[in-house]
N, C-alpha and C. Protein backbone atom coordinates (compact mmCIF):
# COMPACT_ATOMS: atom_id res chain seq x y z
N MET A 1 93.08 174.66 175.53
CA MET A 1 94.33 174.92 175.77
C MET A 1 95.39 176.12 175.80
N SER A 2 94.89 176.92 175.08
CA SER A 2 95.33 178.39 174.79
C SER A 2 95.23 179.36 175.33
N ASP A 3 94.66 179.01 177.69
CA ASP A 3 94.64 179.98 178.21
C ASP A 3 96.09 179.10 179.33
N VAL A 4 96.38 178.26 178.92
CA VAL A 4 98.12 177.86 178.94
C VAL A 4 99.15 178.06 178.18
N THR A 5 99.84 179.02 179.08
CA THR A 5 101.38 179.17 178.37
C THR A 5 102.30 177.71 177.76
N LEU A 6 103.08 178.10 176.63
CA LEU A 6 103.53 176.93 176.27
C LEU A 6 104.35 176.64 177.42
N PHE A 7 105.05 176.73 178.15
CA PHE A 7 105.89 176.77 178.96
C PHE A 7 105.20 175.97 179.99
N VAL A 8 103.53 176.24 180.20
CA VAL A 8 103.29 174.81 181.31
C VAL A 8 102.75 174.07 180.65
N ALA A 9 102.31 173.91 179.32
CA ALA A 9 102.04 173.04 178.26
C ALA A 9 103.30 171.58 178.44
N LEU A 10 104.48 172.30 178.26
CA LEU A 10 105.81 171.76 178.55
C LEU A 10 105.71 171.38 179.47
N GLY A 11 105.56 171.39 180.78
CA GLY A 11 105.48 170.74 181.51
C GLY A 11 106.77 171.38 183.18
N GLY A 12 106.67 172.97 182.38
CA GLY A 12 107.35 173.93 183.35
C GLY A 12 108.98 173.39 182.40
N MET A 13 109.71 174.00 183.64
CA MET A 13 111.16 174.05 183.14
C MET A 13 111.61 172.13 183.10
N PRO A 14 110.61 171.60 184.20
CA PRO A 14 112.00 170.21 183.21
C PRO A 14 111.43 169.70 182.17
N GLY A 15 110.71 169.74 181.66
CA GLY A 15 110.15 169.85 180.47
C GLY A 15 111.02 169.99 179.16
N ILE A 16 111.08 171.72 179.50
CA ILE A 16 111.95 171.96 178.60
C ILE A 16 113.23 171.58 178.67
N ILE A 17 113.93 171.38 179.79
CA ILE A 17 115.22 170.69 179.77
C ILE A 17 115.08 169.16 179.45
N ALA A 18 113.92 168.31 179.23
CA ALA A 18 114.32 167.56 178.49
C ALA A 18 114.90 167.88 176.91
N LEU A 19 113.65 168.88 176.48
CA LEU A 19 113.55 169.06 175.61
C LEU A 19 114.86 169.97 174.56
N ALA A 20 115.61 170.53 175.71
CA ALA A 20 116.82 171.33 175.08
C ALA A 20 117.99 169.73 175.40
N GLN A 21 117.62 168.87 175.73
CA GLN A 21 118.97 167.99 175.66
C GLN A 21 118.87 167.07 174.69
N ALA A 22 117.63 167.09 173.90
CA ALA A 22 117.31 166.04 173.61
C ALA A 22 117.67 166.64 172.21
N TRP A 23 117.47 167.90 171.53
CA TRP A 23 117.89 168.72 170.40
C TRP A 23 118.80 168.80 170.66
N HIS A 24 120.00 168.88 171.89
CA HIS A 24 121.53 169.36 171.56
C HIS A 24 121.76 168.18 171.42
N HIS A 25 121.54 166.77 171.87
CA HIS A 25 121.93 165.26 171.16
C HIS A 25 121.95 165.26 169.85
N ASN A 26 120.84 165.42 169.69
CA ASN A 26 120.76 165.49 168.30
C ASN A 26 121.20 166.05 167.06
N VAL A 27 121.62 167.40 167.50
CA VAL A 27 122.34 167.98 166.92
C VAL A 27 123.57 167.60 167.07
N MET A 28 124.09 166.99 167.90
CA MET A 28 125.93 166.96 167.97
C MET A 28 125.77 165.63 167.32
N ALA A 29 124.59 164.90 166.76
CA ALA A 29 124.96 163.68 166.34
C ALA A 29 124.86 163.63 164.18
N ASP A 30 123.95 165.13 164.34
CA ASP A 30 124.06 165.58 162.87
C ASP A 30 125.51 166.18 162.55
N GLU A 31 126.48 165.83 161.96
CA GLU A 31 127.55 166.18 161.17
C GLU A 31 127.34 167.62 160.28
N LEU A 32 126.27 168.10 159.98
CA LEU A 32 125.95 169.40 160.01
C LEU A 32 126.28 170.19 160.84
N VAL A 33 125.15 170.21 161.36
CA VAL A 33 125.02 170.75 162.71
C VAL A 33 126.31 171.55 163.77
N SER A 34 126.39 169.88 163.78
CA SER A 34 127.20 170.20 164.97
C SER A 34 129.04 170.49 165.13
N HIS A 35 128.76 170.83 163.47
CA HIS A 35 129.64 172.16 163.08
C HIS A 35 130.00 173.54 163.52
N ALA A 36 128.52 173.72 164.24
CA ALA A 36 128.54 174.56 164.56
C ALA A 36 129.09 174.42 166.69
N PHE A 37 129.41 173.51 166.69
CA PHE A 37 130.02 173.81 168.45
C PHE A 37 131.47 173.08 167.81
N HIS A 38 131.71 173.51 166.90
CA HIS A 38 133.63 172.87 166.75
C HIS A 38 134.38 173.31 168.02
N HIS A 39 133.83 174.80 168.23
CA HIS A 39 134.78 175.57 168.82
C HIS A 39 134.29 174.90 170.24
N GLY A 40 133.78 174.28 170.92
CA GLY A 40 132.95 173.72 171.85
C GLY A 40 132.07 174.61 172.44
N PHE A 41 130.89 174.21 173.27
CA PHE A 41 130.32 175.12 174.33
C PHE A 41 130.61 175.36 175.31
N HIS A 42 129.84 176.46 176.16
CA HIS A 42 129.30 176.52 177.45
C HIS A 42 129.08 175.78 178.25
N PRO A 43 129.36 174.70 178.90
CA PRO A 43 129.28 174.03 180.20
C PRO A 43 127.83 174.02 180.74
N HIS A 44 127.38 174.93 180.37
CA HIS A 44 125.83 175.04 180.92
C HIS A 44 124.59 175.30 180.17
N HIS A 45 125.58 174.69 178.86
CA HIS A 45 124.80 175.37 177.29
C HIS A 45 123.27 174.81 177.52
N ILE A 46 122.62 173.51 178.12
CA ILE A 46 121.59 173.23 178.26
C ILE A 46 121.29 173.93 178.78
N GLU A 47 121.17 174.39 180.05
CA GLU A 47 120.62 175.08 181.43
C GLU A 47 120.04 176.89 180.37
N ARG A 48 121.41 176.93 179.62
CA ARG A 48 120.70 178.05 179.08
C ARG A 48 120.11 177.83 178.62
N LEU A 49 119.78 177.21 177.07
CA LEU A 49 118.85 177.00 176.36
C LEU A 49 117.89 177.18 176.99
N ALA A 50 117.46 176.10 177.95
CA ALA A 50 116.15 175.66 178.45
C ALA A 50 115.53 176.76 179.29
N ALA A 51 116.46 178.00 180.01
CA ALA A 51 115.98 179.21 180.25
C ALA A 51 115.70 179.93 179.41
N TYR A 52 116.18 180.77 178.81
CA TYR A 52 116.16 181.22 177.21
C TYR A 52 115.06 180.60 176.33
N TRP A 53 114.14 179.22 176.50
CA TRP A 53 112.98 179.27 175.78
C TRP A 53 112.02 178.93 176.77
N GLY A 54 112.28 179.21 178.01
CA GLY A 54 111.47 178.55 178.69
C GLY A 54 110.98 180.30 179.06
N GLU A 55 111.45 181.61 178.94
CA GLU A 55 111.47 182.41 179.39
C GLU A 55 110.16 182.91 178.15
N SER A 56 110.78 182.39 176.50
CA SER A 56 110.37 182.54 175.45
C SER A 56 109.04 182.36 175.47
N TRP A 57 108.47 181.38 175.96
CA TRP A 57 107.30 180.36 176.08
C TRP A 57 106.58 180.78 177.27
N GLY A 58 106.24 181.92 177.89
CA GLY A 58 105.45 182.13 178.93
C GLY A 58 106.29 181.70 180.77
N GLY A 59 107.37 181.18 180.67
CA GLY A 59 108.21 180.64 181.96
C GLY A 59 108.79 182.02 182.32
N PRO A 60 108.90 181.80 183.61
CA PRO A 60 109.55 182.81 184.66
C PRO A 60 110.65 183.97 183.65
N PRO A 61 111.56 185.05 183.95
CA PRO A 61 112.71 185.28 183.41
C PRO A 61 113.89 185.06 183.55
N GLN A 62 114.04 183.97 183.66
CA GLN A 62 115.72 183.01 184.17
C GLN A 62 116.70 184.00 183.57
N TYR A 63 116.42 183.71 181.71
CA TYR A 63 117.48 183.59 181.39
C TYR A 63 117.95 185.21 181.33
N SER A 64 116.59 185.95 181.42
CA SER A 64 117.22 187.83 181.06
C SER A 64 117.37 188.02 182.92
N ALA A 65 117.54 187.19 184.04
CA ALA A 65 117.96 187.42 184.84
C ALA A 65 119.51 186.98 185.35
N GLN A 66 119.46 185.63 184.63
CA GLN A 66 121.04 185.08 184.93
C GLN A 66 121.96 185.08 183.54
N TYR A 67 121.98 185.20 182.53
CA TYR A 67 122.76 185.36 181.68
C TYR A 67 123.17 185.85 180.49
N GLY A 68 121.65 186.94 180.45
CA GLY A 68 121.97 188.72 179.05
C GLY A 68 120.32 188.27 178.98
N ASN A 69 120.82 188.97 177.55
CA ASN A 69 119.06 190.18 176.99
C ASN A 69 119.09 189.16 175.55
N GLU A 70 118.00 189.50 174.86
CA GLU A 70 118.28 189.00 173.68
C GLU A 70 119.45 190.05 172.86
N SER A 71 119.66 190.49 172.83
CA SER A 71 121.14 191.33 171.79
C SER A 71 122.40 190.02 172.17
N SER A 72 122.20 189.62 173.88
CA SER A 72 123.89 189.33 173.83
C SER A 72 123.77 187.85 172.82
N MET A 73 122.41 187.41 173.34
CA MET A 73 121.78 185.77 172.48
C MET A 73 122.06 185.88 171.47
N VAL A 74 122.01 187.30 170.95
CA VAL A 74 121.68 187.37 169.23
C VAL A 74 123.29 187.59 168.71
N ARG A 75 123.71 187.98 169.36
CA ARG A 75 125.30 188.21 169.19
C ARG A 75 126.18 186.75 168.78
N ILE A 76 125.65 185.71 170.01
CA ILE A 76 126.66 184.45 170.12
C ILE A 76 125.87 183.86 168.88
N HIS A 77 125.26 184.24 167.76
CA HIS A 77 125.06 183.38 166.63
C HIS A 77 124.86 184.35 165.64
N SER A 78 125.76 185.81 165.83
CA SER A 78 125.90 186.72 164.55
C SER A 78 127.38 186.56 164.21
N GLY A 79 127.62 186.78 162.96
CA GLY A 79 128.95 187.06 162.17
C GLY A 79 129.36 185.64 161.17
N ASN A 80 128.09 184.78 161.43
CA ASN A 80 128.87 183.20 160.85
C ASN A 80 128.22 183.71 159.57
N GLY A 81 128.04 184.16 158.97
CA GLY A 81 127.09 184.07 157.56
C GLY A 81 125.83 183.81 157.14
N LEU A 82 125.71 183.69 156.13
CA LEU A 82 123.98 182.68 155.92
C LEU A 82 124.23 181.50 155.97
N HIS A 83 123.32 180.33 156.18
CA HIS A 83 123.73 179.13 156.44
C HIS A 83 122.19 177.93 156.28
N ALA A 84 121.99 178.64 155.40
CA ALA A 84 120.27 177.69 154.87
C ALA A 84 120.12 176.23 155.10
N GLU A 85 121.10 175.93 154.57
CA GLU A 85 121.36 174.22 154.98
C GLU A 85 121.22 173.65 156.45
N MET A 86 122.48 174.51 157.20
CA MET A 86 122.62 174.13 158.44
C MET A 86 121.02 174.48 159.44
N ASP A 87 120.45 175.54 159.08
CA ASP A 87 119.21 176.16 159.95
C ASP A 87 118.60 175.06 159.64
N ALA A 88 118.44 174.17 158.57
CA ALA A 88 117.23 173.14 157.72
C ALA A 88 117.52 171.84 159.20
N HIS A 89 118.62 171.38 158.99
CA HIS A 89 119.10 170.16 159.74
C HIS A 89 118.99 170.80 161.05
N ALA A 90 119.48 172.24 161.55
CA ALA A 90 119.04 172.14 163.62
C ALA A 90 117.15 172.24 163.46
N LEU A 91 116.48 172.63 162.48
CA LEU A 91 115.11 172.70 162.58
C LEU A 91 114.53 171.07 162.49
N ALA A 92 115.21 170.02 161.68
CA ALA A 92 114.89 168.55 161.84
C ALA A 92 115.35 168.09 163.21
N CYS A 93 116.12 168.45 163.83
CA CYS A 93 116.70 167.89 164.69
C CYS A 93 115.78 168.31 166.36
N PHE A 94 115.17 169.73 165.89
CA PHE A 94 113.78 169.90 166.93
C PHE A 94 113.48 169.21 166.82
N ASP A 95 112.27 168.98 166.13
CA ASP A 95 111.26 168.27 165.63
C ASP A 95 111.62 166.76 166.04
N ARG A 96 113.30 166.02 165.29
CA ARG A 96 113.14 164.70 166.30
C ARG A 96 112.89 164.59 167.86
N ALA A 97 113.94 166.21 168.40
CA ALA A 97 113.82 166.74 169.77
C ALA A 97 112.57 166.13 170.39
N MET A 98 111.09 166.76 169.71
CA MET A 98 110.04 166.65 170.57
C MET A 98 109.61 165.75 170.48
N ALA A 99 109.64 164.78 169.29
CA ALA A 99 109.21 162.84 169.77
C ALA A 99 109.90 162.38 170.33
N ASP A 100 111.39 163.07 169.91
CA ASP A 100 112.36 161.78 171.28
C ASP A 100 111.69 162.24 172.26
N ILE A 101 110.94 162.75 172.92
CA ILE A 101 110.49 163.26 174.40
C ILE A 101 109.56 162.76 174.39
N GLY A 102 108.07 162.42 173.41
CA GLY A 102 107.02 161.91 173.72
C GLY A 102 106.33 163.33 173.94
N ILE A 103 106.42 164.36 172.42
CA ILE A 103 105.63 165.32 172.55
C ILE A 103 104.39 164.63 171.58
N SER A 104 103.09 165.03 171.96
CA SER A 104 102.07 163.82 171.13
C SER A 104 100.99 165.18 170.14
N ASP A 105 100.95 166.35 171.33
CA ASP A 105 100.40 166.77 171.05
C ASP A 105 100.27 167.85 169.05
N ALA A 106 99.45 167.57 168.23
CA ALA A 106 100.03 168.20 167.43
C ALA A 106 100.03 170.05 167.28
N ARG A 107 99.07 170.33 167.79
CA ARG A 107 99.02 171.70 168.08
C ARG A 107 100.24 172.22 168.65
N LEU A 108 101.01 171.45 169.83
CA LEU A 108 102.47 171.69 170.26
C LEU A 108 103.39 171.67 169.50
N ARG A 109 103.41 170.82 169.56
CA ARG A 109 104.26 170.28 167.92
C ARG A 109 104.54 171.62 167.00
N THR A 110 103.33 171.46 166.23
CA THR A 110 103.20 172.68 165.05
C THR A 110 104.02 174.23 165.91
N THR A 111 103.06 174.65 166.83
CA THR A 111 103.52 175.60 167.18
C THR A 111 104.61 176.34 168.25
N LEU A 112 105.62 175.20 168.41
CA LEU A 112 106.89 174.77 168.91
C LEU A 112 107.80 174.62 167.84
N HIS A 113 107.37 174.06 166.38
CA HIS A 113 108.05 174.44 165.33
C HIS A 113 108.10 175.68 164.81
N ASP A 114 106.96 175.99 164.49
CA ASP A 114 106.98 177.39 164.27
C ASP A 114 107.91 178.00 164.57
N TYR A 115 107.71 178.32 166.25
CA TYR A 115 108.58 179.15 166.63
C TYR A 115 110.16 179.02 166.72
N PHE A 116 110.69 177.68 166.45
CA PHE A 116 111.80 177.49 166.51
C PHE A 116 112.04 178.10 164.65
N ALA A 117 111.62 177.54 163.79
CA ALA A 117 112.15 178.51 162.38
C ALA A 117 111.68 179.71 162.01
N TRP A 118 110.91 180.49 163.22
CA TRP A 118 110.79 182.34 162.96
C TRP A 118 112.36 182.62 163.39
N MET A 119 112.82 181.84 164.83
CA MET A 119 113.97 182.10 165.42
C MET A 119 115.04 182.36 164.41
N MET A 120 114.99 181.05 163.52
CA MET A 120 116.31 180.59 162.33
C MET A 120 116.82 181.49 161.86
N HIS A 121 115.33 181.95 161.03
CA HIS A 121 114.98 183.13 160.06
C HIS A 121 115.33 184.22 160.30
N ASN A 122 114.89 184.83 161.78
CA ASN A 122 114.62 185.96 161.86
C ASN A 122 115.88 186.86 162.63
N PRO A 123 115.82 186.40 164.32
CA PRO A 123 116.36 187.11 165.23
C PRO A 123 118.07 186.39 164.87
N LEU A 124 118.14 185.01 164.02
CA LEU A 124 119.53 184.54 164.54
C LEU A 124 120.13 184.74 163.53
N ALA A 125 119.51 185.18 161.83
CA ALA A 125 119.58 184.89 161.32
C ALA A 125 120.09 186.40 160.47
N ALA A 126 119.48 187.74 161.33
CA ALA A 126 119.55 188.81 161.24
C ALA A 126 121.05 189.34 160.76
N TYR A 127 121.71 189.01 161.37
CA TYR A 127 123.22 189.62 161.60
C TYR A 127 123.82 188.77 160.99
N PRO A 128 124.03 188.46 159.91
CA PRO A 128 124.73 187.51 159.15
C PRO A 128 126.27 187.89 159.15
N THR A 129 126.93 188.96 158.98
CA THR A 129 128.13 189.43 158.84
C THR A 129 129.09 189.83 159.83
N SER A 130 128.35 190.49 160.84
CA SER A 130 128.77 191.09 161.91
C SER A 130 128.63 191.30 163.34
N ALA A 131 128.93 190.50 164.39
CA ALA A 131 127.70 190.57 165.66
C ALA A 131 127.92 191.95 166.31
N ASP A 132 128.61 192.20 165.58
CA ASP A 132 128.64 194.06 166.26
C ASP A 132 127.75 194.77 165.33
N ALA A 133 127.08 194.24 164.86
CA ALA A 133 125.56 194.69 163.64
C ALA A 133 124.65 194.88 164.95
N VAL A 134 124.72 193.85 165.90
CA VAL A 134 123.43 193.55 167.07
C VAL A 134 123.34 194.76 167.88
N PRO A 135 122.06 195.17 167.51
CA PRO A 135 121.47 196.35 169.03
C PRO A 135 122.04 196.15 170.07
N ALA A 136 121.98 197.11 170.78
CA ALA A 136 122.34 196.98 172.38
C ALA A 136 120.57 196.85 172.94
N GLY A 137 119.95 196.06 173.47
CA GLY A 137 118.93 196.68 174.49
C GLY A 137 117.82 195.52 174.08
N LEU A 138 117.86 194.71 173.20
CA LEU A 138 116.96 193.85 172.09
C LEU A 138 116.05 192.91 173.42
N ARG A 139 115.08 193.04 172.90
CA ARG A 139 114.03 192.18 174.24
C ARG A 139 113.87 190.75 173.82
N ILE A 140 114.30 189.61 174.82
CA ILE A 140 113.43 188.82 174.61
C ILE A 140 112.05 188.49 174.20
N PRO A 141 111.91 187.83 172.50
CA PRO A 141 110.51 187.52 171.67
C PRO A 141 109.85 186.92 173.29
N HIS A 142 108.67 186.89 173.08
CA HIS A 142 107.66 186.13 173.63
C HIS A 142 106.47 185.18 172.79
N TRP A 143 106.47 184.39 172.46
CA TRP A 143 106.04 183.00 171.98
C TRP A 143 104.55 182.66 172.04
N SER A 144 103.41 182.77 171.84
CA SER A 144 102.33 182.16 172.21
C SER A 144 101.80 180.87 171.47
N TRP A 145 100.58 180.63 171.62
CA TRP A 145 99.88 179.72 171.09
C TRP A 145 99.50 180.08 169.72
N GLU A 146 99.23 181.42 169.57
CA GLU A 146 99.31 182.23 168.08
C GLU A 146 100.32 182.74 167.45
N GLY A 147 101.77 182.44 168.13
CA GLY A 147 102.51 182.83 167.34
C GLY A 147 103.62 184.17 168.00
N LEU A 148 104.13 184.95 167.45
CA LEU A 148 104.65 185.65 168.46
C LEU A 148 104.01 187.21 168.65
N ASP A 149 104.37 187.46 170.29
CA ASP A 149 103.49 188.29 171.02
C ASP A 149 104.63 190.16 170.83
N THR A 150 103.24 190.33 170.15
CA THR A 150 103.58 191.38 169.46
C THR A 150 103.64 193.08 170.74
N ARG A 151 102.82 192.28 171.23
CA ARG A 151 102.20 193.50 172.54
C ARG A 151 103.52 193.85 173.25
N ALA A 152 104.54 193.00 173.73
CA ALA A 152 105.52 193.12 174.73
C ALA A 152 106.49 194.54 174.16
């Protein structure tokens, strides 16, 4: 299966949208994680999230073409301090979302879990004190069956 991208393994954009919807539903039902959305969220949050994940997982560069780059995405999540407990809940919501949409392949589930954990502990945690510290021009990280693709 490693010759197939994660994007394809998830069924392309329809599968990724289903995962984003399930994750968002779980997050909004979680008292701790839903706090991150207390100010509201973009009306196209799910589509934007799916575009980001899709691009990260080997799909078309839809997020970059329509919404911004890695710097803009990281800025949205920066300047909120450290929040390890909330991150753990968000990861649990992601794992439940995979189950909710019926991802049964253990390797795919592990790979996506590892991606989500890496994102929360690296780019999304890199600038806890100020979004202004995020450098311009960051590129969306690409993730494969082997983990972070450092060739890009």
